[in-house]
Amino acid sequence: MAYSHRNLLEKIIEIQNIVLELKRKDGDLFLKNIFWEHIQPKYKICYRTFHTYLGINAKKELRELQSK
């Protein structure tokens, strides 16, 4: 679990950026391959959590959190 909501959002943004970069380099990569080769070994999250993280607009939420 994340230390705070801000740290969780930063972690989500980091994961989303990794996925975007890898998809940009090789568009034929499946999300499943990206998860098992790059995300799971480093972040130790499950596949379901990975998909949940991809569906969160973390940049917007982080901006709103910082503006408070």
C-alpha atoms as a PDB file:
ATOM      1  CA  MET A   1       0.000   0.000   0.000  1.00  0.00           C
ATOM      2  CA  ALA A   2       1.166   3.516  -0.709  1.00  0.00           C
ATOM      3  CA  TYR A   3       2.406   5.861   2.008  1.00  0.00           C
ATOM      4  CA  SER A   4      -0.037   8.564   0.998  1.00  0.00           C
ATOM      5  CA  HIS A   5      -2.498   9.295  -1.757  1.00  0.00           C
ATOM      6  CA  ARG A   6       0.058  11.594  -3.404  1.00  0.00           C
ATOM      7  CA  ASN A   7       2.686   8.845  -3.457  1.00  0.00           C
ATOM      8  CA  LEU A   8       0.167   6.395  -4.899  1.00  0.00           C
ATOM      9  CA  LEU A   9      -0.697   8.826  -7.693  1.00  0.00           C
ATOM     10  CA  GLU A  10       2.997   9.367  -8.455  1.00  0.00           C
ATOM     11  CA  LYS A  11       3.500   5.590  -8.616  1.00  0.00           C
ATOM     12  CA  ILE A  12       0.523   5.260 -10.988  1.00  0.00           C
ATOM     13  CA  ILE A  13       1.893   8.020 -13.239  1.00  0.00           C
ATOM     14  CA  GLU A  14       5.273   6.280 -13.308  1.00  0.00           C
ATOM     15  CA  ILE A  15       3.656   2.987 -14.358  1.00  0.00           C
ATOM     16  CA  GLN A  16       1.518   4.723 -16.993  1.00  0.00           C
ATOM     17  CA  ASN A  17       4.597   6.454 -18.426  1.00  0.00           C
ATOM     18  CA  ILE A  18       6.464   3.139 -18.671  1.00  0.00           C
ATOM     19  CA  VAL A  19       3.548   1.602 -20.565  1.00  0.00           C
ATOM     20  CA  LEU A  20       3.237   4.589 -22.916  1.00  0.00           C
ATOM     21  CA  GLU A  21       6.968   4.579 -23.651  1.00  0.00           C
ATOM     22  CA  LEU A  22       7.048   0.844 -24.377  1.00  0.00           C
ATOM     23  CA  LYS A  23       3.913   1.024 -26.564  1.00  0.00           C
ATOM     24  CA  ARG A  24       5.449   3.955 -28.452  1.00  0.00           C
ATOM     25  CA  LYS A  25       8.653   1.983 -29.131  1.00  0.00           C
ATOM     26  CA  ASP A  26       6.885  -1.237 -30.143  1.00  0.00           C
ATOM     27  CA  GLY A  27       3.164  -0.954 -30.800  1.00  0.00           C
ATOM     28  CA  ASP A  28       2.821  -4.729 -31.138  1.00  0.00           C
ATOM     29  CA  LEU A  29       3.500  -5.351 -27.438  1.00  0.00           C
ATOM     30  CA  PHE A  30       0.578  -6.695 -25.442  1.00  0.00           C
ATOM     31  CA  LEU A  31      -0.219  -5.204 -22.042  1.00  0.00           C
ATOM     32  CA  LYS A  32       0.199  -8.664 -20.553  1.00  0.00           C
ATOM     33  CA  ASN A  33       3.801  -8.832 -21.799  1.00  0.00           C
ATOM     34  CA  ILE A  34       4.558  -5.321 -20.554  1.00  0.00           C
ATOM     35  CA  PHE A  35       3.146  -6.237 -17.163  1.00  0.00           C
ATOM     36  CA  TRP A  36       5.086  -9.489 -16.696  1.00  0.00           C
ATOM     37  CA  GLU A  37       8.392  -8.238 -18.110  1.00  0.00           C
ATOM     38  CA  HIS A  38       8.563  -4.664 -16.803  1.00  0.00           C
ATOM     39  CA  ILE A  39       5.921  -3.813 -14.192  1.00  0.00           C
ATOM     40  CA  GLN A  40       5.479  -6.876 -11.964  1.00  0.00           C
ATOM     41  CA  PRO A  41       9.184  -7.464 -11.177  1.00  0.00           C
ATOM     42  CA  LYS A  42       9.681  -3.846 -10.071  1.00  0.00           C
ATOM     43  CA  TYR A  43       6.369  -2.871  -8.432  1.00  0.00           C
ATOM     44  CA  LYS A  44       5.093  -6.274  -7.175  1.00  0.00           C
ATOM     45  CA  ILE A  45       1.460  -5.580  -8.073  1.00  0.00           C
ATOM     46  CA  CYS A  46      -1.094  -7.986  -9.528  1.00  0.00           C
ATOM     47  CA  TYR A  47      -2.424  -7.861 -13.081  1.00  0.00           C
ATOM     48  CA  ARG A  48      -5.829  -6.579 -11.930  1.00  0.00           C
ATOM     49  CA  THR A  49      -4.215  -3.695 -10.030  1.00  0.00           C
ATOM     50  CA  PHE A  50      -2.135  -2.900 -13.114  1.00  0.00           C
ATOM     51  CA  HIS A  51      -5.289  -2.524 -15.221  1.00  0.00           C
ATOM     52  CA  THR A  52      -6.928  -0.428 -12.510  1.00  0.00           C
ATOM     53  CA  TYR A  53      -3.897   1.882 -12.474  1.00  0.00           C
ATOM     54  CA  LEU A  54      -4.079   2.298 -16.251  1.00  0.00           C
ATOM     55  CA  GLY A  55      -7.697   3.444 -15.935  1.00  0.00           C
ATOM     56  CA  ILE A  56      -6.996   6.204 -13.400  1.00  0.00           C
ATOM     57  CA  ASN A  57      -6.465   9.795 -14.554  1.00  0.00           C
ATOM     58  CA  ALA A  58      -3.651  10.239 -12.042  1.00  0.00           C
ATOM     59  CA  LYS A  59      -2.186  13.438 -13.489  1.00  0.00           C
ATOM     60  CA  LYS A  60      -5.506  15.250 -13.068  1.00  0.00           C
ATOM     61  CA  GLU A  61      -6.016  13.907  -9.541  1.00  0.00           C
ATOM     62  CA  LEU A  62      -2.469  14.887  -8.550  1.00  0.00           C
ATOM     63  CA  ARG A  63      -2.991  18.422  -9.894  1.00  0.00           C
ATOM     64  CA  GLU A  64      -6.232  18.718  -7.906  1.00  0.00           C
ATOM     65  CA  LEU A  65      -4.531  17.387  -4.776  1.00  0.00           C
ATOM     66  CA  GLN A  66      -1.649  19.862  -5.093  1.00  0.00           C
ATOM     67  CA  SER A  67      -3.984  22.818  -5.656  1.00  0.00           C
ATOM     68  CA  LYS A  68      -5.690  22.239  -2.296  1.00  0.00           C
END
